[in-house]
Amino acid sequence: MILEVAILDIKSDVKKDMCDEFEATFQQASKIIAAIPGYLSHELQKCIEVPNRYILLVRWETLEAHTIGFRESPEYQEWKRLLHHFYDPFPVVEHYYSILRSGI
């Protein structure tokens, strides 16, 4: 299992807080990613200290399920259209694998 991690900073200005719009749009976009072969699960969490920051955690069966299966798919173009205009700066995406796990 591979964990994709992205810190998402959402644009905001004096006139408009885009967080509510981002959250609603992300709900819609979640259906896209969930349909990709090799997808396992995802969660979006909002930062307490920085109100316009989120962390996206996506679990994939393999790295290639994300980097090739999703990123090179037509569905990714729709994901980009829905979400990428919210980010400033554009997020860095990293991938992790587990070396130690304890019970929750």
PDB file of N, CA and C in Angstrom:
ATOM      1  N   MET A   1       0.846  -1.174   0.000  1.00  0.00           N
ATOM      2  CA  MET A   1       0.000   0.000   0.000  1.00  0.00           C
ATOM      3  C   MET A   1       0.890   1.236   0.000  1.00  0.00           C
ATOM      4  N   ILE A   2       0.527   2.209  -0.809  1.00  0.00           N
ATOM      5  CA  ILE A   2       1.231   3.482  -0.922  1.00  0.00           C
ATOM      6  C   ILE A   2       0.306   4.583  -0.417  1.00  0.00           C
ATOM      7  N   LEU A   3       0.858   5.485   0.379  1.00  0.00           N
ATOM      8  CA  LEU A   3       0.105   6.627   0.875  1.00  0.00           C
ATOM      9  C   LEU A   3       0.571   7.878   0.140  1.00  0.00           C
ATOM     10  N   GLU A   4      -0.337   8.480  -0.583  1.00  0.00           N
ATOM     11  CA  GLU A   4      -0.087   9.768  -1.242  1.00  0.00           C
ATOM     12  C   GLU A   4      -0.447  10.865  -0.248  1.00  0.00           C
ATOM     13  N   VAL A   5       0.442  11.843  -0.100  1.00  0.00           N
ATOM     14  CA  VAL A   5       0.225  12.939   0.833  1.00  0.00           C
ATOM     15  C   VAL A   5       0.386  14.263   0.088  1.00  0.00           C
ATOM     16  N   ALA A   6      -0.615  15.114   0.210  1.00  0.00           N
ATOM     17  CA  ALA A   6      -0.545  16.439  -0.418  1.00  0.00           C
ATOM     18  C   ALA A   6      -1.091  17.470   0.564  1.00  0.00           C
ATOM     19  N   ILE A   7      -0.326  18.518   0.788  1.00  0.00           N
ATOM     20  CA  ILE A   7      -0.796  19.644   1.589  1.00  0.00           C
ATOM     21  C   ILE A   7      -1.383  20.656   0.624  1.00  0.00           C
ATOM     22  N   LEU A   8      -2.639  20.985   0.841  1.00  0.00           N
ATOM     23  CA  LEU A   8      -3.382  21.844  -0.076  1.00  0.00           C
ATOM     24  C   LEU A   8      -3.659  23.191   0.590  1.00  0.00           C
ATOM     25  N   ASP A   9      -3.041  24.232   0.078  1.00  0.00           N
ATOM     26  CA  ASP A   9      -3.322  25.591   0.533  1.00  0.00           C
ATOM     27  C   ASP A   9      -4.300  26.219  -0.444  1.00  0.00           C
ATOM     28  N   ILE A  10      -5.432  26.640   0.093  1.00  0.00           N
ATOM     29  CA  ILE A  10      -6.513  27.167  -0.730  1.00  0.00           C
ATOM     30  C   ILE A  10      -6.398  28.693  -0.802  1.00  0.00           C
ATOM     31  N   LYS A  11      -6.575  29.223  -1.997  1.00  0.00           N
ATOM     32  CA  LYS A  11      -6.522  30.669  -2.209  1.00  0.00           C
ATOM     33  C   LYS A  11      -7.566  31.356  -1.330  1.00  0.00           C
ATOM     34  N   SER A  12      -7.207  32.513  -0.853  1.00  0.00           N
ATOM     35  CA  SER A  12      -8.183  33.351  -0.153  1.00  0.00           C
ATOM     36  C   SER A  12      -7.772  34.796  -0.364  1.00  0.00           C
ATOM     37  N   ASP A  13      -8.741  35.658  -0.368  1.00  0.00           N
ATOM     38  CA  ASP A  13      -8.461  37.081  -0.433  1.00  0.00           C
ATOM     39  C   ASP A  13      -9.458  37.796   0.454  1.00  0.00           C
ATOM     40  N   VAL A  14      -9.354  39.082   0.526  1.00  0.00           N
ATOM     41  CA  VAL A  14     -10.217  39.858   1.412  1.00  0.00           C
ATOM     42  C   VAL A  14     -11.681  39.691   1.044  1.00  0.00           C
ATOM     43  N   LYS A  15     -11.965  39.547  -0.236  1.00  0.00           N
ATOM     44  CA  LYS A  15     -13.341  39.498  -0.699  1.00  0.00           C
ATOM     45  C   LYS A  15     -13.989  38.120  -0.564  1.00  0.00           C
ATOM     46  N   LYS A  16     -13.188  37.041  -0.658  1.00  0.00           N
ATOM     47  CA  LYS A  16     -13.820  35.729  -0.755  1.00  0.00           C
ATOM     48  C   LYS A  16     -12.971  34.651  -0.102  1.00  0.00           C
ATOM     49  N   ASP A  17     -13.600  33.889   0.754  1.00  0.00           N
ATOM     50  CA  ASP A  17     -12.978  32.703   1.317  1.00  0.00           C
ATOM     51  C   ASP A  17     -13.430  31.534   0.450  1.00  0.00           C
ATOM     52  N   MET A  18     -12.485  30.855  -0.165  1.00  0.00           N
ATOM     53  CA  MET A  18     -12.820  29.802  -1.116  1.00  0.00           C
ATOM     54  C   MET A  18     -12.918  28.412  -0.472  1.00  0.00           C
ATOM     55  N   CYS A  19     -12.753  28.323   0.837  1.00  0.00           N
ATOM     56  CA  CYS A  19     -12.737  27.016   1.488  1.00  0.00           C
ATOM     57  C   CYS A  19     -14.063  26.272   1.358  1.00  0.00           C
ATOM     58  N   ASP A  20     -15.165  26.949   1.563  1.00  0.00           N
ATOM     59  CA  ASP A  20     -16.470  26.276   1.448  1.00  0.00           C
ATOM     60  C   ASP A  20     -16.679  25.747   0.027  1.00  0.00           C
ATOM     61  N   GLU A  21     -16.336  26.566  -0.954  1.00  0.00           N
ATOM     62  CA  GLU A  21     -16.469  26.152  -2.350  1.00  0.00           C
ATOM     63  C   GLU A  21     -15.539  24.968  -2.657  1.00  0.00           C
ATOM     64  N   PHE A  22     -14.301  25.035  -2.144  1.00  0.00           N
ATOM     65  CA  PHE A  22     -13.363  23.928  -2.333  1.00  0.00           C
ATOM     66  C   PHE A  22     -13.917  22.638  -1.733  1.00  0.00           C
ATOM     67  N   GLU A  23     -14.416  22.697  -0.506  1.00  0.00           N
ATOM     68  CA  GLU A  23     -14.940  21.495   0.150  1.00  0.00           C
ATOM     69  C   GLU A  23     -16.102  20.886  -0.632  1.00  0.00           C
ATOM     70  N   ALA A  24     -16.992  21.707  -1.130  1.00  0.00           N
ATOM     71  CA  ALA A  24     -18.129  21.204  -1.914  1.00  0.00           C
ATOM     72  C   ALA A  24     -17.649  20.580  -3.224  1.00  0.00           C
ATOM     73  N   THR A  25     -16.711  21.230  -3.875  1.00  0.00           N
ATOM     74  CA  THR A  25     -16.183  20.713  -5.134  1.00  0.00           C
ATOM     75  C   THR A  25     -15.393  19.435  -4.898  1.00  0.00           C
ATOM     76  N   PHE A  26     -14.660  19.370  -3.783  1.00  0.00           N
ATOM     77  CA  PHE A  26     -13.896  18.167  -3.481  1.00  0.00           C
ATOM     78  C   PHE A  26     -14.822  16.966  -3.288  1.00  0.00           C
ATOM     79  N   GLN A  27     -15.981  17.180  -2.699  1.00  0.00           N
ATOM     80  CA  GLN A  27     -16.967  16.090  -2.561  1.00  0.00           C
ATOM     81  C   GLN A  27     -17.303  15.507  -3.932  1.00  0.00           C
ATOM     82  N   GLN A  28     -17.510  16.381  -4.887  1.00  0.00           N
ATOM     83  CA  GLN A  28     -17.814  15.955  -6.263  1.00  0.00           C
ATOM     84  C   GLN A  28     -16.615  15.227  -6.874  1.00  0.00           C
ATOM     85  N   ALA A  29     -15.430  15.773  -6.712  1.00  0.00           N
ATOM     86  CA  ALA A  29     -14.224  15.187  -7.293  1.00  0.00           C
ATOM     87  C   ALA A  29     -13.864  13.849  -6.648  1.00  0.00           C
ATOM     88  N   SER A  30     -14.279  13.636  -5.413  1.00  0.00           N
ATOM     89  CA  SER A  30     -13.984  12.380  -4.717  1.00  0.00           C
ATOM     90  C   SER A  30     -14.513  11.169  -5.479  1.00  0.00           C
ATOM     91  N   LYS A  31     -15.621  11.344  -6.150  1.00  0.00           N
ATOM     92  CA  LYS A  31     -16.200  10.241  -6.932  1.00  0.00           C
ATOM     93  C   LYS A  31     -15.281   9.847  -8.085  1.00  0.00           C
ATOM     94  N   ILE A  32     -14.561  10.808  -8.619  1.00  0.00           N
ATOM     95  CA  ILE A  32     -13.651  10.544  -9.744  1.00  0.00           C
ATOM     96  C   ILE A  32     -12.504   9.663  -9.287  1.00  0.00           C
ATOM     97  N   ILE A  33     -11.833  10.069  -8.231  1.00  0.00           N
ATOM     98  CA  ILE A  33     -10.656   9.334  -7.782  1.00  0.00           C
ATOM     99  C   ILE A  33     -11.036   7.948  -7.248  1.00  0.00           C
ATOM    100  N   ALA A  34     -12.185   7.861  -6.616  1.00  0.00           N
ATOM    101  CA  ALA A  34     -12.622   6.592  -6.029  1.00  0.00           C
ATOM    102  C   ALA A  34     -12.898   5.521  -7.088  1.00  0.00           C
ATOM    103  N   ALA A  35     -13.098   5.925  -8.322  1.00  0.00           N
ATOM    104  CA  ALA A  35     -13.406   4.981  -9.401  1.00  0.00           C
ATOM    105  C   ALA A  35     -12.156   4.476 -10.130  1.00  0.00           C
ATOM    106  N   ILE A  36     -10.992   4.938  -9.749  1.00  0.00           N
ATOM    107  CA  ILE A  36      -9.754   4.583 -10.447  1.00  0.00           C
ATOM    108  C   ILE A  36      -9.250   3.215  -9.962  1.00  0.00           C
ATOM    109  N   PRO A  37      -8.896   2.315 -10.870  1.00  0.00           N
ATOM    110  CA  PRO A  37      -8.328   1.025 -10.454  1.00  0.00           C
ATOM    111  C   PRO A  37      -7.072   1.236  -9.597  1.00  0.00           C
ATOM    112  N   GLY A  38      -6.990   0.503  -8.510  1.00  0.00           N
ATOM    113  CA  GLY A  38      -5.857   0.617  -7.606  1.00  0.00           C
ATOM    114  C   GLY A  38      -6.068   1.593  -6.466  1.00  0.00           C
ATOM    115  N   TYR A  39      -7.156   2.358  -6.518  1.00  0.00           N
ATOM    116  CA  TYR A  39      -7.518   3.263  -5.426  1.00  0.00           C
ATOM    117  C   TYR A  39      -8.039   2.432  -4.256  1.00  0.00           C
ATOM    118  N   LEU A  40      -7.630   2.796  -3.044  1.00  0.00           N
ATOM    119  CA  LEU A  40      -8.119   2.100  -1.848  1.00  0.00           C
ATOM    120  C   LEU A  40      -9.012   2.988  -0.985  1.00  0.00           C
ATOM    121  N   SER A  41      -8.551   4.195  -0.668  1.00  0.00           N
ATOM    122  CA  SER A  41      -9.343   5.107   0.163  1.00  0.00           C
ATOM    123  C   SER A  41      -8.685   6.484   0.161  1.00  0.00           C
ATOM    124  N   HIS A  42      -9.426   7.455   0.665  1.00  0.00           N
ATOM    125  CA  HIS A  42      -8.838   8.782   0.834  1.00  0.00           C
ATOM    126  C   HIS A  42      -9.520   9.506   1.984  1.00  0.00           C
ATOM    127  N   GLU A  43      -8.821  10.506   2.479  1.00  0.00           N
ATOM    128  CA  GLU A  43      -9.413  11.390   3.475  1.00  0.00           C
ATOM    129  C   GLU A  43      -8.861  12.792   3.273  1.00  0.00           C
ATOM    130  N   LEU A  44      -9.690  13.752   3.568  1.00  0.00           N
ATOM    131  CA  LEU A  44      -9.320  15.161   3.498  1.00  0.00           C
ATOM    132  C   LEU A  44      -9.503  15.729   4.895  1.00  0.00           C
ATOM    133  N   GLN A  45      -8.453  16.330   5.424  1.00  0.00           N
ATOM    134  CA  GLN A  45      -8.524  16.902   6.767  1.00  0.00           C
ATOM    135  C   GLN A  45      -8.166  18.378   6.705  1.00  0.00           C
ATOM    136  N   LYS A  46      -8.850  19.156   7.540  1.00  0.00           N
ATOM    137  CA  LYS A  46      -8.633  20.609   7.567  1.00  0.00           C
ATOM    138  C   LYS A  46      -7.718  20.963   8.737  1.00  0.00           C
ATOM    139  N   CYS A  47      -6.788  21.863   8.480  1.00  0.00           N
ATOM    140  CA  CYS A  47      -5.823  22.299   9.485  1.00  0.00           C
ATOM    141  C   CYS A  47      -6.494  23.222  10.512  1.00  0.00           C
ATOM    142  N   ILE A  48      -6.145  23.038  11.756  1.00  0.00           N
ATOM    143  CA  ILE A  48      -6.662  23.899  12.823  1.00  0.00           C
ATOM    144  C   ILE A  48      -5.919  25.237  12.843  1.00  0.00           C
ATOM    145  N   GLU A  49      -4.595  25.192  12.732  1.00  0.00           N
ATOM    146  CA  GLU A  49      -3.798  26.408  12.855  1.00  0.00           C
ATOM    147  C   GLU A  49      -3.838  27.304  11.629  1.00  0.00           C
ATOM    148  N   VAL A  50      -3.984  26.722  10.447  1.00  0.00           N
ATOM    149  CA  VAL A  50      -4.018  27.497   9.199  1.00  0.00           C
ATOM    150  C   VAL A  50      -5.363  27.205   8.528  1.00  0.00           C
ATOM    151  N   PRO A  51      -6.333  28.092   8.656  1.00  0.00           N
ATOM    152  CA  PRO A  51      -7.714  27.794   8.249  1.00  0.00           C
ATOM    153  C   PRO A  51      -7.927  27.463   6.774  1.00  0.00           C
ATOM    154  N   ASN A  52      -7.015  27.895   5.901  1.00  0.00           N
ATOM    155  CA  ASN A  52      -7.202  27.599   4.477  1.00  0.00           C
ATOM    156  C   ASN A  52      -6.296  26.450   4.022  1.00  0.00           C
ATOM    157  N   ARG A  53      -5.814  25.630   4.955  1.00  0.00           N
ATOM    158  CA  ARG A  53      -4.928  24.507   4.624  1.00  0.00           C
ATOM    159  C   ARG A  53      -5.620  23.179   4.920  1.00  0.00           C
ATOM    160  N   TYR A  54      -5.408  22.246   3.998  1.00  0.00           N
ATOM    161  CA  TYR A  54      -5.938  20.885   4.123  1.00  0.00           C
ATOM    162  C   TYR A  54      -4.802  19.907   3.860  1.00  0.00           C
ATOM    163  N   ILE A  55      -4.986  18.688   4.329  1.00  0.00           N
ATOM    164  CA  ILE A  55      -4.086  17.612   3.950  1.00  0.00           C
ATOM    165  C   ILE A  55      -4.943  16.526   3.303  1.00  0.00           C
ATOM    166  N   LEU A  56      -4.476  16.078   2.154  1.00  0.00           N
ATOM    167  CA  LEU A  56      -5.142  15.002   1.435  1.00  0.00           C
ATOM    168  C   LEU A  56      -4.288  13.747   1.558  1.00  0.00           C
ATOM    169  N   LEU A  57      -4.907  12.683   2.026  1.00  0.00           N
ATOM    170  CA  LEU A  57      -4.250  11.388   2.161  1.00  0.00           C
ATOM    171  C   LEU A  57      -5.000  10.394   1.285  1.00  0.00           C
ATOM    172  N   VAL A  58      -4.301   9.821   0.324  1.00  0.00           N
ATOM    173  CA  VAL A  58      -4.921   8.848  -0.575  1.00  0.00           C
ATOM    174  C   VAL A  58      -4.123   7.555  -0.492  1.00  0.00           C
ATOM    175  N   ARG A  59      -4.826   6.460  -0.304  1.00  0.00           N
ATOM    176  CA  ARG A  59      -4.181   5.146  -0.262  1.00  0.00           C
ATOM    177  C   ARG A  59      -4.382   4.449  -1.602  1.00  0.00           C
ATOM    178  N   TRP A  60      -3.255   3.989  -2.149  1.00  0.00           N
ATOM    179  CA  TRP A  60      -3.237   3.307  -3.443  1.00  0.00           C
ATOM    180  C   TRP A  60      -2.631   1.913  -3.268  1.00  0.00           C
ATOM    181  N   GLU A  61      -3.036   0.986  -4.111  1.00  0.00           N
ATOM    182  CA  GLU A  61      -2.432  -0.346  -4.084  1.00  0.00           C
ATOM    183  C   GLU A  61      -0.953  -0.286  -4.453  1.00  0.00           C
ATOM    184  N   THR A  62      -0.631   0.538  -5.463  1.00  0.00           N
ATOM    185  CA  THR A  62       0.747   0.678  -5.936  1.00  0.00           C
ATOM    186  C   THR A  62       1.010   2.135  -6.284  1.00  0.00           C
ATOM    187  N   LEU A  63       2.264   2.501  -6.374  1.00  0.00           N
ATOM    188  CA  LEU A  63       2.632   3.846  -6.815  1.00  0.00           C
ATOM    189  C   LEU A  63       2.105   4.105  -8.220  1.00  0.00           C
ATOM    190  N   GLU A  64       2.225   3.111  -9.096  1.00  0.00           N
ATOM    191  CA  GLU A  64       1.795   3.259 -10.488  1.00  0.00           C
ATOM    192  C   GLU A  64       0.283   3.473 -10.621  1.00  0.00           C
ATOM    193  N   ALA A  65      -0.484   2.955  -9.672  1.00  0.00           N
ATOM    194  CA  ALA A  65      -1.935   3.195  -9.713  1.00  0.00           C
ATOM    195  C   ALA A  65      -2.213   4.693  -9.663  1.00  0.00           C
ATOM    196  N   HIS A  66      -1.397   5.421  -8.928  1.00  0.00           N
ATOM    197  CA  HIS A  66      -1.557   6.868  -8.859  1.00  0.00           C
ATOM    198  C   HIS A  66      -0.866   7.577 -10.018  1.00  0.00           C
ATOM    199  N   THR A  67       0.444   7.300 -10.170  1.00  0.00           N
ATOM    200  CA  THR A  67       1.246   8.087 -11.115  1.00  0.00           C
ATOM    201  C   THR A  67       0.921   7.800 -12.572  1.00  0.00           C
ATOM    202  N   ILE A  68       0.480   6.602 -12.862  1.00  0.00           N
ATOM    203  CA  ILE A  68       0.132   6.253 -14.245  1.00  0.00           C
ATOM    204  C   ILE A  68      -1.382   6.081 -14.384  1.00  0.00           C
ATOM    205  N   GLY A  69      -1.946   5.179 -13.581  1.00  0.00           N
ATOM    206  CA  GLY A  69      -3.371   4.872 -13.695  1.00  0.00           C
ATOM    207  C   GLY A  69      -4.276   6.074 -13.537  1.00  0.00           C
ATOM    208  N   PHE A  70      -3.983   6.931 -12.555  1.00  0.00           N
ATOM    209  CA  PHE A  70      -4.810   8.115 -12.342  1.00  0.00           C
ATOM    210  C   PHE A  70      -4.289   9.315 -13.125  1.00  0.00           C
ATOM    211  N   ARG A  71      -3.028   9.637 -12.950  1.00  0.00           N
ATOM    212  CA  ARG A  71      -2.487  10.859 -13.553  1.00  0.00           C
ATOM    213  C   ARG A  71      -2.504  10.848 -15.074  1.00  0.00           C
ATOM    214  N   GLU A  72      -2.494   9.682 -15.682  1.00  0.00           N
ATOM    215  CA  GLU A  72      -2.522   9.620 -17.149  1.00  0.00           C
ATOM    216  C   GLU A  72      -3.901   9.285 -17.698  1.00  0.00           C
ATOM    217  N   SER A  73      -4.909   9.330 -16.840  1.00  0.00           N
ATOM    218  CA  SER A  73      -6.270   8.983 -17.264  1.00  0.00           C
ATOM    219  C   SER A  73      -7.050  10.218 -17.704  1.00  0.00           C
ATOM    220  N   PRO A  74      -8.091  10.014 -18.519  1.00  0.00           N
ATOM    221  CA  PRO A  74      -8.980  11.130 -18.861  1.00  0.00           C
ATOM    222  C   PRO A  74      -9.685  11.693 -17.620  1.00  0.00           C
ATOM    223  N   GLU A  75      -9.921  10.839 -16.628  1.00  0.00           N
ATOM    224  CA  GLU A  75     -10.583  11.286 -15.405  1.00  0.00           C
ATOM    225  C   GLU A  75      -9.746  12.332 -14.661  1.00  0.00           C
ATOM    226  N   TYR A  76      -8.432  12.204 -14.770  1.00  0.00           N
ATOM    227  CA  TYR A  76      -7.555  13.174 -14.118  1.00  0.00           C
ATOM    228  C   TYR A  76      -7.762  14.577 -14.692  1.00  0.00           C
ATOM    229  N   GLN A  77      -8.061  14.671 -15.970  1.00  0.00           N
ATOM    230  CA  GLN A  77      -8.313  15.981 -16.576  1.00  0.00           C
ATOM    231  C   GLN A  77      -9.531  16.653 -15.933  1.00  0.00           C
ATOM    232  N   GLU A  78     -10.541  15.871 -15.624  1.00  0.00           N
ATOM    233  CA  GLU A  78     -11.722  16.412 -14.943  1.00  0.00           C
ATOM    234  C   GLU A  78     -11.370  16.796 -13.504  1.00  0.00           C
ATOM    235  N   TRP A  79     -10.591  15.975 -12.812  1.00  0.00           N
ATOM    236  CA  TRP A  79     -10.103  16.277 -11.460  1.00  0.00           C
ATOM    237  C   TRP A  79      -9.379  17.632 -11.466  1.00  0.00           C
ATOM    238  N   LYS A  80      -8.463  17.812 -12.430  1.00  0.00           N
ATOM    239  CA  LYS A  80      -7.721  19.061 -12.558  1.00  0.00           C
ATOM    240  C   LYS A  80      -8.663  20.238 -12.789  1.00  0.00           C
ATOM    241  N   ARG A  81      -9.610  20.059 -13.691  1.00  0.00           N
ATOM    242  CA  ARG A  81     -10.547  21.133 -14.010  1.00  0.00           C
ATOM    243  C   ARG A  81     -11.329  21.568 -12.765  1.00  0.00           C
ATOM    244  N   LEU A  82     -11.733  20.589 -11.969  1.00  0.00           N
ATOM    245  CA  LEU A  82     -12.531  20.892 -10.783  1.00  0.00           C
ATOM    246  C   LEU A  82     -11.713  21.535  -9.655  1.00  0.00           C
ATOM    247  N   LEU A  83     -10.479  21.081  -9.449  1.00  0.00           N
ATOM    248  CA  LEU A  83      -9.772  21.422  -8.221  1.00  0.00           C
ATOM    249  C   LEU A  83      -8.535  22.304  -8.344  1.00  0.00           C
ATOM    250  N   HIS A  84      -7.795  22.213  -9.427  1.00  0.00           N
ATOM    251  CA  HIS A  84      -6.479  22.844  -9.448  1.00  0.00           C
ATOM    252  C   HIS A  84      -6.508  24.367  -9.339  1.00  0.00           C
ATOM    253  N   HIS A  85      -7.583  25.006  -9.707  1.00  0.00           N
ATOM    254  CA  HIS A  85      -7.645  26.466  -9.611  1.00  0.00           C
ATOM    255  C   HIS A  85      -7.785  26.971  -8.166  1.00  0.00           C
ATOM    256  N   PHE A  86      -8.040  26.079  -7.217  1.00  0.00           N
ATOM    257  CA  PHE A  86      -8.163  26.471  -5.819  1.00  0.00           C
ATOM    258  C   PHE A  86      -6.811  26.651  -5.123  1.00  0.00           C
ATOM    259  N   TYR A  87      -5.744  26.066  -5.650  1.00  0.00           N
ATOM    260  CA  TYR A  87      -4.480  25.959  -4.918  1.00  0.00           C
ATOM    261  C   TYR A  87      -3.533  27.137  -5.162  1.00  0.00           C
ATOM    262  N   ASP A  88      -2.917  27.596  -4.070  1.00  0.00           N
ATOM    263  CA  ASP A  88      -1.854  28.581  -4.149  1.00  0.00           C
ATOM    264  C   ASP A  88      -1.014  28.487  -2.882  1.00  0.00           C
ATOM    265  N   PRO A  89       0.200  27.981  -3.000  1.00  0.00           N
ATOM    266  CA  PRO A  89       0.874  27.492  -4.205  1.00  0.00           C
ATOM    267  C   PRO A  89       0.358  26.115  -4.602  1.00  0.00           C
ATOM    268  N   PHE A  90       0.790  25.664  -5.768  1.00  0.00           N
ATOM    269  CA  PHE A  90       0.396  24.342  -6.202  1.00  0.00           C
ATOM    270  C   PHE A  90       1.027  23.316  -5.265  1.00  0.00           C
ATOM    271  N   PRO A  91       0.266  22.312  -4.837  1.00  0.00           N
ATOM    272  CA  PRO A  91       0.780  21.382  -3.831  1.00  0.00           C
ATOM    273  C   PRO A  91       1.888  20.464  -4.339  1.00  0.00           C
ATOM    274  N   VAL A  92       2.770  20.148  -3.418  1.00  0.00           N
ATOM    275  CA  VAL A  92       3.764  19.104  -3.642  1.00  0.00           C
ATOM    276  C   VAL A  92       3.117  17.807  -3.199  1.00  0.00           C
ATOM    277  N   VAL A  93       3.204  16.791  -4.031  1.00  0.00           N
ATOM    278  CA  VAL A  93       2.627  15.483  -3.717  1.00  0.00           C
ATOM    279  C   VAL A  93       3.768  14.515  -3.468  1.00  0.00           C
ATOM    280  N   GLU A  94       3.699  13.816  -2.348  1.00  0.00           N
ATOM    281  CA  GLU A  94       4.713  12.829  -2.003  1.00  0.00           C
ATOM    282  C   GLU A  94       4.047  11.490  -1.728  1.00  0.00           C
ATOM    283  N   HIS A  95       4.826  10.439  -1.847  1.00  0.00           N
ATOM    284  CA  HIS A  95       4.325   9.078  -1.656  1.00  0.00           C
ATOM    285  C   HIS A  95       5.132   8.394  -0.558  1.00  0.00           C
ATOM    286  N   TYR A  96       4.435   7.649   0.290  1.00  0.00           N
ATOM    287  CA  TYR A  96       5.056   6.985   1.432  1.00  0.00           C
ATOM    288  C   TYR A  96       4.631   5.526   1.473  1.00  0.00           C
ATOM    289  N   TYR A  97       5.494   4.706   2.091  1.00  0.00           N
ATOM    290  CA  TYR A  97       5.144   3.328   2.374  1.00  0.00           C
ATOM    291  C   TYR A  97       5.414   3.069   3.849  1.00  0.00           C
ATOM    292  N   SER A  98       4.676   2.153   4.418  1.00  0.00           N
ATOM    293  CA  SER A  98       4.728   1.886   5.844  1.00  0.00           C
ATOM    294  C   SER A  98       5.950   1.049   6.215  1.00  0.00           C
ATOM    295  N   ILE A  99       6.615   1.456   7.289  1.00  0.00           N
ATOM    296  CA  ILE A  99       7.699   0.639   7.831  1.00  0.00           C
ATOM    297  C   ILE A  99       7.381   0.161   9.240  1.00  0.00           C
ATOM    298  N   LEU A 100       6.365   0.785   9.878  1.00  0.00           N
ATOM    299  CA  LEU A 100       5.952   0.394  11.217  1.00  0.00           C
ATOM    300  C   LEU A 100       4.500   0.810  11.405  1.00  0.00           C
ATOM    301  N   ARG A 101       3.709  -0.081  11.919  1.00  0.00           N
ATOM    302  CA  ARG A 101       2.297   0.220  12.147  1.00  0.00           C
ATOM    303  C   ARG A 101       1.896  -0.372  13.490  1.00  0.00           C
ATOM    304  N   SER A 102       1.166   0.413  14.267  1.00  0.00           N
ATOM    305  CA  SER A 102       0.649  -0.083  15.541  1.00  0.00           C
ATOM    306  C   SER A 102      -0.862   0.003  15.513  1.00  0.00           C
ATOM    307  N   GLY A 103      -1.521  -0.650  16.437  1.00  0.00           N
ATOM    308  CA  GLY A 103      -2.981  -0.622  16.517  1.00  0.00           C
ATOM    309  C   GLY A 103      -3.486   0.745  16.885  1.00  0.00           C
ATOM    310  N   ILE A 104      -4.688   1.039  16.436  1.00  0.00           N
ATOM    311  CA  ILE A 104      -5.293   2.335  16.720  1.00  0.00           C
ATOM    312  C   ILE A 104      -6.360   2.148  17.767  1.00  0.00           C
TER     313      ILE A 104
END
